[in-house]
Amino acid sequence: MRVLSRQFQVLVFLIGISGAVTAGDSGEARELLEKMTTAMSQMSYQGTFVYVRDDVVETMRITHLTDETGVRERLYSVSGPHREVIRDRKGVRCFLQDSASVVEDQVVSNSYFPELPLAIIDGDNSGYKIETGGEARIAGQKARRVTISPRDDFRYGYDFWLEEQTGLLLKWVLFDSRHNALAKLMFTDFAMGSAIDLAEIESGSRSEDFVEMKTFSLQKTVVTQSSPRWQPAKLPPGFQLTSHSHKAEADSVYEHMVYSDGLAAVSVYVEEQGKGMTVKPGGSQLGTNNAYTHTMGDIQITVIGEVPAITVKSIAKEMALAVNSN
């Protein structure tokens, strides 16, 4: 969903403690989510969280420090292969013992905590419904529940549990339109403000072992404000084009588009077969991300994102019609 770099994705585990659900006012829910967005960027906090997705469980520790020098953040794995990310005013640096854990697509590589453009997801034409729920005790803190529910089958929803006083996010659950849990994150211990251990902001890994994390993009691509060469005639409700890039060479077939409904996003690649990513035609799944590939002669269309399978398939089929018409 989007406090850390979008270029690093981790797995976490939930120890379930949930309060009774009582549907509440959407205006109150919006205020709580706005409070959460401010708190996660402007407050100092520290804790251990766990995440579960399918059968994969990983435990992580984070220290997020905000002071007069700006924001400094350190995240590292407590279990599994050693992974560490440092974020400060110099940029983002990472140490990955398991290099395969890096996912290069900017949509797939989402962060642990989703960004919430409330003006979009809480609008009259939004694909989501927002409401408050019950209370729970998480990592020793009182928490309030806020639910963002999908109005159709084209997107996922979230349950958030926010620390009662500050709005800091202590737990989330990603679920489908039938409220089946797909991924879960929860802090098991948590401290904020003056209670955090400042020594933990310093890394135990050698500085020479870190590499600079940059925005992933294919070489020789150009980000442009112009319209893509191909666009689907029909998109799932609420999805709009948010970015577009293409190969610099005039004779190259390569387009990359990102479509978003404000919370969910999908990447669409149109390229010549054998010159980009090689993906088997049809649908595939990686954790909570779905992909669908369609081929038309020498052209390959791949759609991928943290959305239901029906969404990527629908966009891929519409994109194929657009390519075929040209």
Protein backbone atom coordinates (compact mmCIF):
# COMPACT_ATOMS: atom_id res chain seq x y z
CA MET A 1 0.00 0.00 0.00
CA ARG A 2 3.00 3.35 0.25
CA VAL A 3 6.98 5.09 5.03
CA LEU A 4 9.68 3.27 2.90
CA SER A 5 11.07 3.30 -0.62
CA ARG A 6 8.81 1.76 -3.25
CA GLN A 7 11.77 -0.25 -4.47
CA PHE A 8 11.84 -2.71 -1.59
CA GLN A 9 9.08 -5.09 -0.61
CA VAL A 10 9.04 -7.30 2.46
CA LEU A 11 6.95 -10.05 3.95
CA VAL A 12 5.33 -9.76 7.40
CA PHE A 13 3.17 -11.82 9.88
CA LEU A 14 0.05 -11.04 11.85
CA ILE A 15 -0.81 -12.08 15.36
CA GLY A 16 -4.54 -11.53 15.18
CA ILE A 17 -6.22 -9.40 17.78
CA SER A 18 -9.31 -7.75 16.40
CA GLY A 19 -12.00 -5.62 17.99
CA ALA A 20 -15.70 -5.88 17.40
CA VAL A 21 -16.72 -4.21 14.15
CA THR A 22 -19.18 -1.37 14.40
CA ALA A 23 -19.72 0.57 11.19
CA GLY A 24 -19.01 4.25 11.76
CA ASP A 25 -19.19 7.61 10.02
CA SER A 26 -17.07 7.98 6.85
CA GLY A 27 -16.18 11.55 7.85
CA GLU A 28 -14.64 10.30 11.09
CA ALA A 29 -12.84 7.54 9.19
CA ARG A 30 -11.39 10.10 6.79
CA GLU A 31 -10.11 12.21 9.71
CA LEU A 32 -8.44 9.16 11.24
CA LEU A 33 -6.73 8.27 7.96
CA GLU A 34 -5.52 11.85 7.49
CA LYS A 35 -4.11 11.69 11.02
CA MET A 36 -2.36 8.42 10.17
CA THR A 37 -0.75 9.88 7.03
CA THR A 38 0.65 12.82 9.01
CA ALA A 39 1.83 10.67 11.93
CA MET A 40 3.67 8.11 9.80
CA SER A 41 5.74 10.81 8.11
CA GLN A 42 6.28 13.30 10.94
CA MET A 43 6.58 11.23 14.13
CA SER A 44 9.45 9.12 15.47
CA TYR A 45 8.64 5.48 16.17
CA GLN A 46 10.29 2.09 16.48
CA GLY A 47 9.16 -1.50 16.61
CA THR A 48 9.17 -5.08 15.40
CA PHE A 49 6.53 -6.17 12.94
CA VAL A 50 5.65 -9.42 11.25
CA TYR A 51 3.98 -10.11 7.91
CA VAL A 52 2.34 -13.18 6.41
CA ARG A 53 1.50 -13.72 2.78
CA ASP A 54 0.58 -17.20 1.60
CA ASP A 55 2.99 -19.51 3.48
CA VAL A 56 5.80 -16.93 3.77
CA VAL A 57 6.44 -15.32 7.14
CA GLU A 58 9.10 -12.75 7.94
CA THR A 59 9.89 -10.58 10.95
CA MET A 60 11.28 -7.06 10.50
CA ARG A 61 12.47 -4.24 12.76
CA ILE A 62 12.12 -0.55 11.93
CA THR A 63 13.37 2.70 13.46
CA HIS A 64 11.89 5.87 11.97
CA LEU A 65 13.43 9.07 13.38
CA THR A 66 12.23 12.59 12.57
CA ASP A 67 14.19 15.57 13.93
CA GLU A 68 15.72 18.89 12.87
CA THR A 69 18.01 17.10 10.38
CA GLY A 70 15.09 15.52 8.56
CA VAL A 71 13.92 11.91 8.34
CA ARG A 72 16.19 8.94 9.02
CA GLU A 73 15.00 5.39 8.81
CA ARG A 74 16.51 1.95 9.24
CA LEU A 75 14.74 -1.30 8.46
CA TYR A 76 16.26 -4.76 8.76
CA SER A 77 15.13 -8.36 8.78
CA VAL A 78 15.05 -10.28 12.06
CA SER A 79 14.40 -13.63 10.40
CA GLY A 80 15.32 -15.13 7.04
CA PRO A 81 18.05 -13.75 4.74
CA HIS A 82 19.66 -10.56 6.04
CA ARG A 83 18.14 -7.49 4.41
CA GLU A 84 18.60 -3.92 5.48
CA VAL A 85 17.48 -0.55 4.16
CA ILE A 86 18.74 2.85 5.30
CA ARG A 87 16.85 5.99 4.26
CA ASP A 88 18.03 9.54 5.02
CA ARG A 89 18.66 12.86 3.26
CA LYS A 90 21.47 11.23 1.27
CA GLY A 91 19.01 8.85 -0.33
CA VAL A 92 18.14 5.18 0.10
CA ARG A 93 20.76 2.46 0.48
CA CYS A 94 20.16 -1.25 0.84
CA PHE A 95 21.95 -4.45 1.79
CA LEU A 96 20.41 -7.61 0.39
CA GLN A 97 21.89 -11.00 1.19
CA ASP A 98 19.22 -12.48 -1.05
CA SER A 99 19.30 -10.36 -4.21
CA ALA A 100 16.28 -12.20 -5.58
CA SER A 101 14.12 -10.35 -3.07
CA VAL A 102 14.30 -7.16 -5.13
CA VAL A 103 11.27 -6.68 -7.37
CA GLU A 104 12.01 -4.12 -10.07
CA ASP A 105 8.58 -3.00 -11.18
CA GLN A 106 7.59 0.21 -9.39
CA VAL A 107 4.00 -0.95 -8.96
CA VAL A 108 4.92 -4.39 -7.59
CA SER A 109 7.59 -2.95 -5.28
CA ASN A 110 5.19 -1.21 -3.01
CA SER A 111 6.01 -0.26 0.55
CA TYR A 112 4.76 -1.73 3.80
CA PHE A 113 2.41 1.14 4.51
CA PRO A 114 0.14 2.36 1.71
CA GLU A 115 -0.21 5.96 0.65
CA LEU A 116 -3.77 7.21 0.85
CA PRO A 117 -4.79 10.02 -1.55
CA LEU A 118 -8.09 10.49 0.27
CA ALA A 119 -9.49 13.01 -2.21
CA ILE A 120 -9.51 10.21 -4.78
CA ILE A 121 -10.43 7.11 -2.79
CA ASP A 122 -13.14 8.87 -0.75
CA GLY A 123 -14.74 10.74 -3.65
CA ASP A 124 -18.26 10.30 -5.00
CA ASN A 125 -17.02 8.11 -7.85
CA SER A 126 -14.55 6.13 -5.76
CA GLY A 127 -14.35 2.37 -5.96
CA TYR A 128 -14.05 2.24 -2.16
CA LYS A 129 -16.19 2.75 0.93
CA ILE A 130 -14.51 4.06 4.12
CA GLU A 131 -15.85 3.52 7.64
CA THR A 132 -14.69 3.19 11.24
CA GLY A 133 -14.89 0.01 13.28
CA GLY A 134 -14.12 -1.29 16.75
CA GLU A 135 -11.11 -1.07 19.05
CA ALA A 136 -8.28 -3.49 19.81
CA ARG A 137 -5.07 -3.71 21.83
CA ILE A 138 -2.00 -4.17 19.62
CA ALA A 139 1.64 -4.21 20.75
CA GLY A 140 0.55 -2.80 24.10
CA GLN A 141 -1.28 0.14 22.50
CA LYS A 142 -4.97 0.95 22.16
CA ALA A 143 -5.92 0.98 18.48
CA ARG A 144 -8.92 2.09 16.42
CA ARG A 145 -10.04 0.26 13.30
CA VAL A 146 -10.70 1.91 9.92
CA THR A 147 -11.86 -0.13 6.92
CA ILE A 148 -11.47 0.72 3.24
CA SER A 149 -13.77 -1.71 1.41
CA PRO A 150 -13.85 -2.28 -2.36
CA ARG A 151 -17.21 -1.63 -4.03
CA ASP A 152 -16.54 -4.22 -6.75
CA ASP A 153 -14.28 -7.15 -7.66
CA PHE A 154 -11.63 -5.04 -9.44
CA ARG A 155 -9.67 -3.99 -6.34
CA TYR A 156 -8.64 -5.06 -2.84
CA GLY A 157 -9.51 -3.44 0.48
CA TYR A 158 -7.72 -2.73 3.75
CA ASP A 159 -8.42 -2.95 7.45
CA PHE A 160 -6.22 -0.51 9.39
CA TRP A 161 -5.68 -0.38 13.16
CA LEU A 162 -4.39 3.05 14.24
CA GLU A 163 -2.86 3.98 17.59
CA GLU A 164 -5.60 5.82 19.48
CA GLN A 165 -3.77 9.05 20.34
CA THR A 166 -1.31 9.55 17.48
CA GLY A 167 -2.87 7.71 14.54
CA LEU A 168 0.27 5.66 13.89
CA LEU A 169 -0.45 2.48 11.92
CA LEU A 170 -0.02 -0.64 14.07
CA LYS A 171 -1.64 -3.27 11.89
CA TRP A 172 -3.20 -3.77 8.47
CA VAL A 173 -4.94 -6.57 6.61
CA LEU A 174 -5.29 -6.66 2.83
CA PHE A 175 -8.50 -8.41 1.71
CA ASP A 176 -10.52 -9.12 -1.42
CA SER A 177 -14.10 -8.09 -2.20
CA ARG A 178 -15.39 -11.06 -0.15
CA HIS A 179 -13.23 -10.01 2.82
CA ASN A 180 -10.85 -12.98 2.49
CA ALA A 181 -7.48 -11.99 4.00
CA LEU A 182 -4.62 -11.94 1.46
CA ALA A 183 -1.76 -10.41 3.47
CA LYS A 184 -1.39 -9.19 7.05
CA LEU A 185 1.03 -6.94 8.92
CA MET A 186 1.22 -6.21 12.63
CA PHE A 187 3.63 -4.70 15.13
CA THR A 188 4.42 -7.00 18.05
CA ASP A 189 6.30 -4.34 20.02
CA PHE A 190 6.12 -0.61 19.48
CA ALA A 191 7.60 2.59 20.94
CA MET A 192 7.28 6.22 19.90
CA GLY A 193 8.71 9.63 20.67
CA SER A 194 11.32 9.77 23.43
CA ALA A 195 10.83 6.07 24.23
CA ILE A 196 12.71 4.86 21.14
CA ASP A 197 16.32 3.63 21.30
CA LEU A 198 18.30 6.09 19.14
CA ALA A 199 21.26 3.70 18.92
CA GLU A 200 19.23 1.43 16.64
CA ILE A 201 19.30 3.97 13.82
CA GLU A 202 22.95 3.03 13.24
CA SER A 203 23.54 0.06 10.97
CA GLY A 204 25.57 -2.98 12.00
CA SER A 205 26.46 -3.74 8.37
CA ARG A 206 29.54 -2.38 6.63
CA SER A 207 28.85 0.74 4.58
CA GLU A 208 30.67 -0.73 1.58
CA ASP A 209 28.15 -3.59 1.49
CA PHE A 210 25.27 -1.23 0.75
CA VAL A 211 24.15 -0.22 -2.71
CA GLU A 212 22.26 2.88 -3.78
CA MET A 213 18.60 2.26 -4.51
CA LYS A 214 17.34 4.13 -7.54
CA THR A 215 14.01 4.26 -9.29
CA PHE A 216 13.88 1.20 -11.49
CA SER A 217 13.29 1.86 -15.18
CA LEU A 218 14.47 0.28 -18.36
CA GLN A 219 17.52 1.90 -19.96
CA LYS A 220 16.94 4.39 -22.78
CA THR A 221 13.35 5.08 -21.81
CA VAL A 222 11.72 8.50 -21.80
CA VAL A 223 9.05 9.62 -19.35
CA THR A 224 6.55 11.71 -21.28
CA GLN A 225 3.37 13.71 -20.83
CA SER A 226 2.16 12.71 -24.29
CA SER A 227 -0.57 10.14 -24.81
CA PRO A 228 0.51 6.50 -25.16
CA ARG A 229 0.47 5.00 -28.63
CA TRP A 230 -2.05 2.43 -27.41
CA GLN A 231 -4.67 2.86 -24.72
CA PRO A 232 -7.48 0.54 -23.66
CA ALA A 233 -10.89 1.77 -24.75
CA LYS A 234 -12.36 0.62 -21.45
CA LEU A 235 -10.84 0.43 -17.98
CA PRO A 236 -12.18 -0.94 -14.68
CA PRO A 237 -14.20 1.81 -12.93
CA GLY A 238 -12.05 4.50 -11.32
CA PHE A 239 -8.73 3.60 -12.98
CA GLN A 240 -6.90 6.39 -14.83
CA LEU A 241 -3.54 6.79 -16.57
CA THR A 242 -1.00 8.24 -14.08
CA SER A 243 2.35 7.79 -15.88
CA HIS A 244 3.73 6.85 -19.28
CA SER A 245 7.19 6.09 -20.66
CA HIS A 246 8.49 4.76 -23.96
CA LYS A 247 11.72 3.71 -25.67
CA ALA A 248 13.79 6.60 -26.95
CA GLU A 249 14.41 4.97 -30.35
CA ALA A 250 11.70 5.82 -32.87
CA ASP A 251 11.65 2.32 -34.37
CA SER A 252 11.34 0.53 -31.02
CA VAL A 253 8.10 -0.89 -29.73
CA TYR A 254 8.07 -0.27 -26.00
CA GLU A 255 5.43 1.48 -23.92
CA HIS A 256 5.02 1.43 -20.15
CA MET A 257 1.85 2.84 -18.61
CA VAL A 258 0.67 2.95 -15.00
CA TYR A 259 -3.06 3.06 -14.29
CA SER A 260 -4.37 3.75 -10.77
CA ASP A 261 -7.63 4.25 -8.91
CA GLY A 262 -5.83 6.24 -6.21
CA LEU A 263 -5.00 3.24 -4.00
CA ALA A 264 -4.41 0.30 -6.34
CA ALA A 265 -2.12 0.56 -9.37
CA VAL A 266 -1.19 -1.61 -12.34
CA SER A 267 1.72 -1.51 -14.77
CA VAL A 268 1.07 -2.16 -18.46
CA TYR A 269 3.97 -3.11 -20.76
CA VAL A 270 3.62 -3.22 -24.54
CA GLU A 271 6.81 -4.45 -26.23
CA GLU A 272 8.29 -6.64 -28.90
CA GLN A 273 8.60 -10.27 -27.88
CA GLY A 274 12.12 -11.27 -26.87
CA LYS A 275 13.28 -7.68 -26.26
CA GLY A 276 11.85 -7.12 -22.80
CA MET A 277 10.59 -9.25 -19.97
CA THR A 278 9.76 -12.83 -20.95
CA VAL A 279 6.42 -13.89 -19.51
CA LYS A 280 4.34 -16.95 -20.31
CA PRO A 281 1.00 -16.00 -21.94
CA GLY A 282 -2.00 -16.14 -19.63
CA GLY A 283 -2.39 -15.40 -15.95
CA SER A 284 0.13 -15.79 -13.12
CA GLN A 285 0.38 -14.80 -9.47
CA LEU A 286 3.19 -13.66 -7.18
CA GLY A 287 1.90 -13.25 -3.64
CA THR A 288 -0.84 -10.62 -3.73
CA ASN A 289 0.25 -9.43 -7.18
CA ASN A 290 -1.42 -10.76 -10.31
CA ALA A 291 -0.17 -10.60 -13.89
CA TYR A 292 -1.67 -11.36 -17.27
CA THR A 293 0.19 -11.60 -20.58
CA HIS A 294 -1.34 -11.50 -24.05
CA THR A 295 0.58 -11.87 -27.32
CA MET A 296 -0.41 -10.55 -30.72
CA GLY A 297 2.07 -11.50 -33.43
CA ASP A 298 5.38 -9.93 -32.42
CA ILE A 299 3.80 -7.77 -29.71
CA GLN A 300 3.61 -8.84 -26.07
CA ILE A 301 1.28 -7.12 -23.60
CA THR A 302 1.88 -7.66 -19.87
CA VAL A 303 -0.27 -6.20 -17.09
CA ILE A 304 0.83 -6.59 -13.45
CA GLY A 305 -0.21 -5.13 -10.10
CA GLU A 306 -1.52 -5.75 -6.59
CA VAL A 307 -5.07 -6.17 -7.81
CA PRO A 308 -7.36 -9.16 -8.44
CA ALA A 309 -6.73 -11.40 -11.45
CA ILE A 310 -9.90 -10.14 -13.15
CA THR A 311 -8.47 -6.60 -13.22
CA VAL A 312 -5.19 -7.39 -14.99
CA LYS A 313 -6.96 -9.73 -17.42
CA SER A 314 -9.57 -7.11 -18.27
CA ILE A 315 -6.95 -4.43 -18.95
CA ALA A 316 -4.77 -6.81 -20.98
CA LYS A 317 -7.69 -7.83 -23.20
CA GLU A 318 -8.69 -4.20 -23.77
CA MET A 319 -5.09 -3.27 -24.54
CA ALA A 320 -4.91 -6.10 -27.07
CA LEU A 321 -7.94 -4.67 -28.86
CA ALA A 322 -6.26 -1.25 -28.96
CA VAL A 323 -3.03 -2.70 -30.40
CA ASN A 324 -4.96 -4.75 -32.96
CA SER A 325 -6.87 -1.68 -34.15
CA ASN A 326 -3.57 -0.01 -35.02
